[in-house]
Amino acid sequence: MKRSISIIGAGNVGTAFAAMLSHHKRPVKIYCIERDVEDDINCRRINSKYLHGVKLPPNVSATASIKESLEGADIVIVAVPRFALPEVYAAAAPHIASDSAIGVLTKGLDQHTGEPAALSFARLLPPRLRKRIVMIGGPAIANELAGNTPAGIILGGKNKDAVHTLKRALESKT
């Protein structure tokens, strides 16, 4: 059985990554806190609130359960605003497999340490997960990623296995 991909956050970037990663034909589960967005994705195959005009394939689904979104996932993409990171990390940590690659799209710096917020808040995760974090950045826009327009993505992390897992998943013709 193919392992799934979990996207935590159903905004424009999270939905774009779900669309982009769906080409692997693996289940892609989006953790979504807004009922209307969850229904839009599951019933109409779109996210009209955050990523208008992008049709999502049948292997993409949304759920309000963070546990369900992470079940069986070997790739986790965190696409939430900076202020939500502590709560999301705390809720997700018990459900993330130790061998999962955790890609973080959250931008911004911690105002106290000057570190990227995703790394600063990573201290809230158990050490087994902290070392699996890979920062994702680059000159890419959500509509371009979802629409198969050429784009570039940069990965940075200490764990080579996690970086390579994400690299393989994100590689495409565009």
Foldseek 3Di string as FASTA:
>chain_A
DDFEEFEEDDALQSVLVQLLLCVVVHQYEYADQDPVQQCCCQPVQDRCVHHPPFGHDPSYHYDNQLLVRQVRHQEYEYDDELVCLLVSQLRNQVRHDLNHQYEYAYADADPPPRHGSNLVSLVSHPPSVSQRYKYKDADDDSNCSNVVNDGDIDIDHDDPSSRVVVVVSNDDPD
